[in-house]
Amino acid sequence: MYILEELDEEVGGLKKAGTVYHQEVMYWAGYLYRYWHYYTNESSREIYQTAPAKTMNECWLGFHTLSVEMAIDDLKEIYRQQKDIH
């Protein structure tokens, strides 16, 4: 992150593209994604399909204080429920 901050300052502001999520959400999501792989042995493709960035952003407030395993299990359950509805 430090390098991007330096570059942003040097060029007077980098253009933002797409949705911008809060740094805390992204830190938590990145940690959770990596742990998820080791916890379940699922591929990154499967994990991101189950819990894309939008879902992680929406769930962060309620989930970031849970244990990592509980957050993953709950995200998987949300995905199953949404899949059953459609």
PDB file of N, CA and C in Angstrom:
ATOM      1  N   MET A   1       0.819  -1.188   0.000  1.00  0.00           N
ATOM      2  CA  MET A   1       0.000   0.000   0.000  1.00  0.00           C
ATOM      3  C   MET A   1       0.868   1.258   0.000  1.00  0.00           C
ATOM      4  N   TYR A   2       1.967   1.205   0.663  1.00  0.00           N
ATOM      5  CA  TYR A   2       2.843   2.356   0.784  1.00  0.00           C
ATOM      6  C   TYR A   2       3.265   2.888  -0.581  1.00  0.00           C
ATOM      7  N   ILE A   3       3.635   1.994  -1.493  1.00  0.00           N
ATOM      8  CA  ILE A   3       4.098   2.413  -2.821  1.00  0.00           C
ATOM      9  C   ILE A   3       2.985   3.134  -3.575  1.00  0.00           C
ATOM     10  N   LEU A   4       1.769   2.613  -3.498  1.00  0.00           N
ATOM     11  CA  LEU A   4       0.651   3.272  -4.177  1.00  0.00           C
ATOM     12  C   LEU A   4       0.361   4.647  -3.581  1.00  0.00           C
ATOM     13  N   GLU A   5       0.495   4.765  -2.277  1.00  0.00           N
ATOM     14  CA  GLU A   5       0.284   6.069  -1.633  1.00  0.00           C
ATOM     15  C   GLU A   5       1.331   7.071  -2.096  1.00  0.00           C
ATOM     16  N   GLU A   6       2.577   6.635  -2.199  1.00  0.00           N
ATOM     17  CA  GLU A   6       3.655   7.499  -2.675  1.00  0.00           C
ATOM     18  C   GLU A   6       3.405   7.936  -4.119  1.00  0.00           C
ATOM     19  N   LEU A   7       3.020   6.985  -4.963  1.00  0.00           N
ATOM     20  CA  LEU A   7       2.738   7.287  -6.362  1.00  0.00           C
ATOM     21  C   LEU A   7       1.564   8.253  -6.479  1.00  0.00           C
ATOM     22  N   ASP A   8       0.522   8.005  -5.703  1.00  0.00           N
ATOM     23  CA  ASP A   8      -0.653   8.877  -5.701  1.00  0.00           C
ATOM     24  C   ASP A   8      -0.257  10.318  -5.375  1.00  0.00           C
ATOM     25  N   GLU A   9       0.575  10.471  -4.365  1.00  0.00           N
ATOM     26  CA  GLU A   9       1.025  11.804  -3.962  1.00  0.00           C
ATOM     27  C   GLU A   9       1.909  12.445  -5.039  1.00  0.00           C
ATOM     28  N   GLU A  10       2.783  11.652  -5.624  1.00  0.00           N
ATOM     29  CA  GLU A  10       3.727  12.166  -6.617  1.00  0.00           C
ATOM     30  C   GLU A  10       3.030  12.674  -7.876  1.00  0.00           C
ATOM     31  N   VAL A  11       1.992  11.981  -8.323  1.00  0.00           N
ATOM     32  CA  VAL A  11       1.312  12.384  -9.561  1.00  0.00           C
ATOM     33  C   VAL A  11       0.114  13.291  -9.295  1.00  0.00           C
ATOM     34  N   GLY A  12      -0.114  13.629  -8.056  1.00  0.00           N
ATOM     35  CA  GLY A  12      -1.218  14.527  -7.736  1.00  0.00           C
ATOM     36  C   GLY A  12      -2.584  13.859  -7.756  1.00  0.00           C
ATOM     37  N   GLY A  13      -2.612  12.573  -7.528  1.00  0.00           N
ATOM     38  CA  GLY A  13      -3.877  11.842  -7.450  1.00  0.00           C
ATOM     39  C   GLY A  13      -4.054  10.856  -8.590  1.00  0.00           C
ATOM     40  N   LEU A  14      -4.153   9.578  -8.237  1.00  0.00           N
ATOM     41  CA  LEU A  14      -4.427   8.531  -9.227  1.00  0.00           C
ATOM     42  C   LEU A  14      -5.924   8.489  -9.501  1.00  0.00           C
ATOM     43  N   LYS A  15      -6.290   8.178 -10.733  1.00  0.00           N
ATOM     44  CA  LYS A  15      -7.701   8.056 -11.070  1.00  0.00           C
ATOM     45  C   LYS A  15      -8.271   6.806 -10.402  1.00  0.00           C
ATOM     46  N   LYS A  16      -9.453   6.941  -9.879  1.00  0.00           N
ATOM     47  CA  LYS A  16     -10.153   5.816  -9.284  1.00  0.00           C
ATOM     48  C   LYS A  16     -10.984   5.147 -10.380  1.00  0.00           C
ATOM     49  N   ALA A  17     -10.984   3.837 -10.387  1.00  0.00           N
ATOM     50  CA  ALA A  17     -11.750   3.095 -11.388  1.00  0.00           C
ATOM     51  C   ALA A  17     -12.642   2.087 -10.667  1.00  0.00           C
ATOM     52  N   GLY A  18     -13.885   2.027 -11.057  1.00  0.00           N
ATOM     53  CA  GLY A  18     -14.799   1.062 -10.447  1.00  0.00           C
ATOM     54  C   GLY A  18     -15.179   1.455  -9.034  1.00  0.00           C
ATOM     55  N   THR A  19     -15.629   0.471  -8.297  1.00  0.00           N
ATOM     56  CA  THR A  19     -16.066   0.679  -6.925  1.00  0.00           C
ATOM     57  C   THR A  19     -14.853   0.783  -6.012  1.00  0.00           C
ATOM     58  N   VAL A  20     -14.881   1.742  -5.116  1.00  0.00           N
ATOM     59  CA  VAL A  20     -13.800   1.922  -4.152  1.00  0.00           C
ATOM     60  C   VAL A  20     -14.329   1.502  -2.784  1.00  0.00           C
ATOM     61  N   TYR A  21     -13.626   0.548  -2.154  1.00  0.00           N
ATOM     62  CA  TYR A  21     -14.014   0.065  -0.836  1.00  0.00           C
ATOM     63  C   TYR A  21     -13.049   0.621   0.210  1.00  0.00           C
ATOM     64  N   HIS A  22     -13.540   0.740   1.418  1.00  0.00           N
ATOM     65  CA  HIS A  22     -12.734   1.250   2.528  1.00  0.00           C
ATOM     66  C   HIS A  22     -11.547   0.322   2.778  1.00  0.00           C
ATOM     67  N   GLN A  23     -10.451   0.900   3.189  1.00  0.00           N
ATOM     68  CA  GLN A  23      -9.209   0.159   3.419  1.00  0.00           C
ATOM     69  C   GLN A  23      -9.402  -0.951   4.459  1.00  0.00           C
ATOM     70  N   GLU A  24     -10.169  -0.700   5.509  1.00  0.00           N
ATOM     71  CA  GLU A  24     -10.395  -1.717   6.545  1.00  0.00           C
ATOM     72  C   GLU A  24     -11.122  -2.930   5.966  1.00  0.00           C
ATOM     73  N   VAL A  25     -12.105  -2.670   5.109  1.00  0.00           N
ATOM     74  CA  VAL A  25     -12.854  -3.757   4.472  1.00  0.00           C
ATOM     75  C   VAL A  25     -11.915  -4.588   3.605  1.00  0.00           C
ATOM     76  N   MET A  26     -11.071  -3.921   2.823  1.00  0.00           N
ATOM     77  CA  MET A  26     -10.170  -4.625   1.925  1.00  0.00           C
ATOM     78  C   MET A  26      -9.126  -5.434   2.693  1.00  0.00           C
ATOM     79  N   TYR A  27      -8.626  -4.905   3.782  1.00  0.00           N
ATOM     80  CA  TYR A  27      -7.665  -5.643   4.599  1.00  0.00           C
ATOM     81  C   TYR A  27      -8.312  -6.908   5.147  1.00  0.00           C
ATOM     82  N   TRP A  28      -9.514  -6.762   5.707  1.00  0.00           N
ATOM     83  CA  TRP A  28     -10.223  -7.903   6.271  1.00  0.00           C
ATOM     84  C   TRP A  28     -10.550  -8.922   5.192  1.00  0.00           C
ATOM     85  N   ALA A  29     -11.041  -8.452   4.049  1.00  0.00           N
ATOM     86  CA  ALA A  29     -11.414  -9.356   2.960  1.00  0.00           C
ATOM     87  C   ALA A  29     -10.194 -10.119   2.447  1.00  0.00           C
ATOM     88  N   GLY A  30      -9.081  -9.443   2.266  1.00  0.00           N
ATOM     89  CA  GLY A  30      -7.875 -10.107   1.793  1.00  0.00           C
ATOM     90  C   GLY A  30      -7.405 -11.182   2.751  1.00  0.00           C
ATOM     91  N   TYR A  31      -7.424 -10.859   4.044  1.00  0.00           N
ATOM     92  CA  TYR A  31      -7.033 -11.844   5.049  1.00  0.00           C
ATOM     93  C   TYR A  31      -7.992 -13.031   5.018  1.00  0.00           C
ATOM     94  N   LEU A  32      -9.284 -12.729   4.962  1.00  0.00           N
ATOM     95  CA  LEU A  32     -10.289 -13.783   4.968  1.00  0.00           C
ATOM     96  C   LEU A  32     -10.181 -14.676   3.733  1.00  0.00           C
ATOM     97  N   TYR A  33      -9.980 -14.077   2.559  1.00  0.00           N
ATOM     98  CA  TYR A  33      -9.834 -14.866   1.334  1.00  0.00           C
ATOM     99  C   TYR A  33      -8.676 -15.858   1.445  1.00  0.00           C
ATOM    100  N   ARG A  34      -7.525 -15.403   1.938  1.00  0.00           N
ATOM    101  CA  ARG A  34      -6.364 -16.303   2.057  1.00  0.00           C
ATOM    102  C   ARG A  34      -6.622 -17.388   3.088  1.00  0.00           C
ATOM    103  N   TYR A  35      -7.174 -17.009   4.230  1.00  0.00           N
ATOM    104  CA  TYR A  35      -7.469 -17.998   5.266  1.00  0.00           C
ATOM    105  C   TYR A  35      -8.472 -19.000   4.726  1.00  0.00           C
ATOM    106  N   TRP A  36      -9.476 -18.547   4.005  1.00  0.00           N
ATOM    107  CA  TRP A  36     -10.526 -19.388   3.439  1.00  0.00           C
ATOM    108  C   TRP A  36      -9.910 -20.501   2.609  1.00  0.00           C
ATOM    109  N   HIS A  37      -8.929 -20.162   1.786  1.00  0.00           N
ATOM    110  CA  HIS A  37      -8.275 -21.175   0.950  1.00  0.00           C
ATOM    111  C   HIS A  37      -7.639 -22.256   1.823  1.00  0.00           C
ATOM    112  N   TYR A  38      -6.926 -21.872   2.867  1.00  0.00           N
ATOM    113  CA  TYR A  38      -6.275 -22.846   3.740  1.00  0.00           C
ATOM    114  C   TYR A  38      -7.286 -23.623   4.573  1.00  0.00           C
ATOM    115  N   TYR A  39      -8.369 -23.003   4.924  1.00  0.00           N
ATOM    116  CA  TYR A  39      -9.417 -23.611   5.754  1.00  0.00           C
ATOM    117  C   TYR A  39     -10.223 -24.648   4.978  1.00  0.00           C
ATOM    118  N   THR A  40     -10.524 -24.365   3.700  1.00  0.00           N
ATOM    119  CA  THR A  40     -11.408 -25.240   2.924  1.00  0.00           C
ATOM    120  C   THR A  40     -10.736 -25.897   1.725  1.00  0.00           C
ATOM    121  N   ASN A  41      -9.565 -25.436   1.358  1.00  0.00           N
ATOM    122  CA  ASN A  41      -8.845 -25.890   0.166  1.00  0.00           C
ATOM    123  C   ASN A  41      -9.597 -25.565  -1.128  1.00  0.00           C
ATOM    124  N   GLU A  42     -10.502 -24.592  -1.074  1.00  0.00           N
ATOM    125  CA  GLU A  42     -11.194 -24.132  -2.282  1.00  0.00           C
ATOM    126  C   GLU A  42     -10.269 -23.227  -3.075  1.00  0.00           C
ATOM    127  N   SER A  43     -10.485 -23.172  -4.381  1.00  0.00           N
ATOM    128  CA  SER A  43      -9.689 -22.299  -5.232  1.00  0.00           C
ATOM    129  C   SER A  43     -10.145 -20.847  -5.059  1.00  0.00           C
ATOM    130  N   SER A  44      -9.289 -19.934  -5.459  1.00  0.00           N
ATOM    131  CA  SER A  44      -9.652 -18.516  -5.409  1.00  0.00           C
ATOM    132  C   SER A  44     -10.897 -18.255  -6.240  1.00  0.00           C
ATOM    133  N   ARG A  45     -11.019 -18.898  -7.382  1.00  0.00           N
ATOM    134  CA  ARG A  45     -12.191 -18.727  -8.243  1.00  0.00           C
ATOM    135  C   ARG A  45     -13.474 -19.108  -7.500  1.00  0.00           C
ATOM    136  N   GLU A  46     -13.452 -20.232  -6.787  1.00  0.00           N
ATOM    137  CA  GLU A  46     -14.629 -20.668  -6.023  1.00  0.00           C
ATOM    138  C   GLU A  46     -14.939 -19.696  -4.887  1.00  0.00           C
ATOM    139  N   ILE A  47     -13.902 -19.246  -4.219  1.00  0.00           N
ATOM    140  CA  ILE A  47     -14.080 -18.335  -3.091  1.00  0.00           C
ATOM    141  C   ILE A  47     -14.684 -17.015  -3.561  1.00  0.00           C
ATOM    142  N   TYR A  48     -14.123 -16.428  -4.621  1.00  0.00           N
ATOM    143  CA  TYR A  48     -14.623 -15.148  -5.117  1.00  0.00           C
ATOM    144  C   TYR A  48     -16.031 -15.274  -5.680  1.00  0.00           C
ATOM    145  N   GLN A  49     -16.369 -16.436  -6.216  1.00  0.00           N
ATOM    146  CA  GLN A  49     -17.733 -16.660  -6.697  1.00  0.00           C
ATOM    147  C   GLN A  49     -18.705 -16.687  -5.513  1.00  0.00           C
ATOM    148  N   THR A  50     -18.281 -17.304  -4.438  1.00  0.00           N
ATOM    149  CA  THR A  50     -19.120 -17.407  -3.239  1.00  0.00           C
ATOM    150  C   THR A  50     -19.257 -16.069  -2.531  1.00  0.00           C
ATOM    151  N   ALA A  51     -18.170 -15.319  -2.437  1.00  0.00           N
ATOM    152  CA  ALA A  51     -18.174 -14.056  -1.692  1.00  0.00           C
ATOM    153  C   ALA A  51     -17.407 -12.992  -2.468  1.00  0.00           C
ATOM    154  N   PRO A  52     -18.037 -12.383  -3.473  1.00  0.00           N
ATOM    155  CA  PRO A  52     -17.357 -11.312  -4.215  1.00  0.00           C
ATOM    156  C   PRO A  52     -17.166 -10.075  -3.337  1.00  0.00           C
ATOM    157  N   ALA A  53     -16.417  -9.119  -3.831  1.00  0.00           N
ATOM    158  CA  ALA A  53     -16.084  -7.911  -3.063  1.00  0.00           C
ATOM    159  C   ALA A  53     -17.340  -7.210  -2.544  1.00  0.00           C
ATOM    160  N   LYS A  54     -18.384  -7.149  -3.345  1.00  0.00           N
ATOM    161  CA  LYS A  54     -19.614  -6.482  -2.907  1.00  0.00           C
ATOM    162  C   LYS A  54     -20.183  -7.163  -1.663  1.00  0.00           C
ATOM    163  N   THR A  55     -20.207  -8.488  -1.657  1.00  0.00           N
ATOM    164  CA  THR A  55     -20.706  -9.235  -0.500  1.00  0.00           C
ATOM    165  C   THR A  55     -19.823  -8.997   0.712  1.00  0.00           C
ATOM    166  N   MET A  56     -18.515  -9.017   0.498  1.00  0.00           N
ATOM    167  CA  MET A  56     -17.588  -8.787   1.610  1.00  0.00           C
ATOM    168  C   MET A  56     -17.805  -7.400   2.203  1.00  0.00           C
ATOM    169  N   ASN A  57     -18.015  -6.424   1.355  1.00  0.00           N
ATOM    170  CA  ASN A  57     -18.258  -5.055   1.819  1.00  0.00           C
ATOM    171  C   ASN A  57     -19.552  -4.974   2.625  1.00  0.00           C
ATOM    172  N   GLU A  58     -20.591  -5.640   2.134  1.00  0.00           N
ATOM    173  CA  GLU A  58     -21.886  -5.613   2.821  1.00  0.00           C
ATOM    174  C   GLU A  58     -21.840  -6.344   4.163  1.00  0.00           C
ATOM    175  N   CYS A  59     -21.022  -7.384   4.264  1.00  0.00           N
ATOM    176  CA  CYS A  59     -20.980  -8.208   5.472  1.00  0.00           C
ATOM    177  C   CYS A  59     -19.929  -7.764   6.487  1.00  0.00           C
ATOM    178  N   TRP A  60     -19.017  -6.925   6.072  1.00  0.00           N
ATOM    179  CA  TRP A  60     -17.885  -6.564   6.926  1.00  0.00           C
ATOM    180  C   TRP A  60     -18.301  -6.099   8.318  1.00  0.00           C
ATOM    181  N   LEU A  61     -19.233  -5.180   8.391  1.00  0.00           N
ATOM    182  CA  LEU A  61     -19.590  -4.595   9.682  1.00  0.00           C
ATOM    183  C   LEU A  61     -20.019  -5.658  10.690  1.00  0.00           C
ATOM    184  N   GLY A  62     -20.833  -6.604  10.253  1.00  0.00           N
ATOM    185  CA  GLY A  62     -21.303  -7.644  11.165  1.00  0.00           C
ATOM    186  C   GLY A  62     -20.358  -8.821  11.325  1.00  0.00           C
ATOM    187  N   PHE A  63     -19.483  -9.031  10.349  1.00  0.00           N
ATOM    188  CA  PHE A  63     -18.661 -10.237  10.343  1.00  0.00           C
ATOM    189  C   PHE A  63     -17.224 -10.025  10.808  1.00  0.00           C
ATOM    190  N   HIS A  64     -16.706  -8.814  10.764  1.00  0.00           N
ATOM    191  CA  HIS A  64     -15.281  -8.636  11.029  1.00  0.00           C
ATOM    192  C   HIS A  64     -14.892  -8.932  12.476  1.00  0.00           C
ATOM    193  N   THR A  65     -15.875  -9.010  13.368  1.00  0.00           N
ATOM    194  CA  THR A  65     -15.571  -9.339  14.756  1.00  0.00           C
ATOM    195  C   THR A  65     -15.756 -10.827  15.058  1.00  0.00           C
ATOM    196  N   LEU A  66     -16.263 -11.578  14.086  1.00  0.00           N
ATOM    197  CA  LEU A  66     -16.434 -13.021  14.260  1.00  0.00           C
ATOM    198  C   LEU A  66     -15.091 -13.721  14.086  1.00  0.00           C
ATOM    199  N   SER A  67     -15.033 -14.966  14.538  1.00  0.00           N
ATOM    200  CA  SER A  67     -13.841 -15.757  14.223  1.00  0.00           C
ATOM    201  C   SER A  67     -13.799 -15.929  12.710  1.00  0.00           C
ATOM    202  N   VAL A  68     -12.625 -16.124  12.179  1.00  0.00           N
ATOM    203  CA  VAL A  68     -12.472 -16.249  10.731  1.00  0.00           C
ATOM    204  C   VAL A  68     -13.274 -17.444  10.214  1.00  0.00           C
ATOM    205  N   GLU A  69     -13.218 -18.549  10.926  1.00  0.00           N
ATOM    206  CA  GLU A  69     -13.954 -19.742  10.504  1.00  0.00           C
ATOM    207  C   GLU A  69     -15.464 -19.492  10.483  1.00  0.00           C
ATOM    208  N   MET A  70     -15.956 -18.811  11.513  1.00  0.00           N
ATOM    209  CA  MET A  70     -17.387 -18.526  11.578  1.00  0.00           C
ATOM    210  C   MET A  70     -17.807 -17.587  10.444  1.00  0.00           C
ATOM    211  N   ALA A  71     -17.005 -16.584  10.149  1.00  0.00           N
ATOM    212  CA  ALA A  71     -17.303 -15.661   9.051  1.00  0.00           C
ATOM    213  C   ALA A  71     -17.363 -16.415   7.725  1.00  0.00           C
ATOM    214  N   ILE A  72     -16.417 -17.311   7.494  1.00  0.00           N
ATOM    215  CA  ILE A  72     -16.395 -18.089   6.259  1.00  0.00           C
ATOM    216  C   ILE A  72     -17.622 -18.975   6.172  1.00  0.00           C
ATOM    217  N   ASP A  73     -17.917 -19.680   7.239  1.00  0.00           N
ATOM    218  CA  ASP A  73     -19.096 -20.557   7.243  1.00  0.00           C
ATOM    219  C   ASP A  73     -20.374 -19.768   6.994  1.00  0.00           C
ATOM    220  N   ASP A  74     -20.485 -18.587   7.596  1.00  0.00           N
ATOM    221  CA  ASP A  74     -21.673 -17.750   7.396  1.00  0.00           C
ATOM    222  C   ASP A  74     -21.751 -17.225   5.958  1.00  0.00           C
ATOM    223  N   LEU A  75     -20.621 -16.842   5.380  1.00  0.00           N
ATOM    224  CA  LEU A  75     -20.612 -16.381   3.985  1.00  0.00           C
ATOM    225  C   LEU A  75     -21.012 -17.508   3.039  1.00  0.00           C
ATOM    226  N   LYS A  76     -20.564 -18.719   3.330  1.00  0.00           N
ATOM    227  CA  LYS A  76     -20.939 -19.878   2.510  1.00  0.00           C
ATOM    228  C   LYS A  76     -22.441 -20.147   2.631  1.00  0.00           C
ATOM    229  N   GLU A  77     -22.978 -19.978   3.823  1.00  0.00           N
ATOM    230  CA  GLU A  77     -24.417 -20.180   4.041  1.00  0.00           C
ATOM    231  C   GLU A  77     -25.235 -19.121   3.302  1.00  0.00           C
ATOM    232  N   ILE A  78     -24.808 -17.875   3.341  1.00  0.00           N
ATOM    233  CA  ILE A  78     -25.490 -16.806   2.604  1.00  0.00           C
ATOM    234  C   ILE A  78     -25.518 -17.142   1.117  1.00  0.00           C
ATOM    235  N   TYR A  79     -24.395 -17.605   0.587  1.00  0.00           N
ATOM    236  CA  TYR A  79     -24.318 -17.977  -0.831  1.00  0.00           C
ATOM    237  C   TYR A  79     -25.300 -19.110  -1.143  1.00  0.00           C
ATOM    238  N   ARG A  80     -25.343 -20.133  -0.277  1.00  0.00           N
ATOM    239  CA  ARG A  80     -26.279 -21.260  -0.493  1.00  0.00           C
ATOM    240  C   ARG A  80     -27.727 -20.772  -0.488  1.00  0.00           C
ATOM    241  N   GLN A  81     -28.064 -19.896   0.445  1.00  0.00           N
ATOM    242  CA  GLN A  81     -29.431 -19.386   0.532  1.00  0.00           C
ATOM    243  C   GLN A  81     -29.789 -18.564  -0.705  1.00  0.00           C
ATOM    244  N   GLN A  82     -28.878 -17.718  -1.181  1.00  0.00           N
ATOM    245  CA  GLN A  82     -29.138 -16.922  -2.368  1.00  0.00           C
ATOM    246  C   GLN A  82     -29.279 -17.805  -3.596  1.00  0.00           C
ATOM    247  N   LYS A  83     -28.477 -18.854  -3.658  1.00  0.00           N
ATOM    248  CA  LYS A  83     -28.526 -19.784  -4.785  1.00  0.00           C
ATOM    249  C   LYS A  83     -29.866 -20.520  -4.800  1.00  0.00           C
ATOM    250  N   ASP A  84     -30.382 -20.882  -3.619  1.00  0.00           N
ATOM    251  CA  ASP A  84     -31.670 -21.581  -3.530  1.00  0.00           C
ATOM    252  C   ASP A  84     -32.830 -20.698  -3.957  1.00  0.00           C
ATOM    253  N   ILE A  85     -32.721 -19.381  -3.711  1.00  0.00           N
ATOM    254  CA  ILE A  85     -33.786 -18.444  -4.082  1.00  0.00           C
ATOM    255  C   ILE A  85     -33.881 -18.306  -5.599  1.00  0.00           C
ATOM    256  N   HIS A  86     -32.732 -18.295  -6.271  1.00  0.00           N
ATOM    257  CA  HIS A  86     -32.709 -18.090  -7.724  1.00  0.00           C
ATOM    258  C   HIS A  86     -32.725 -19.392  -8.395  1.00  0.00           C
TER     259      HIS A  86
END
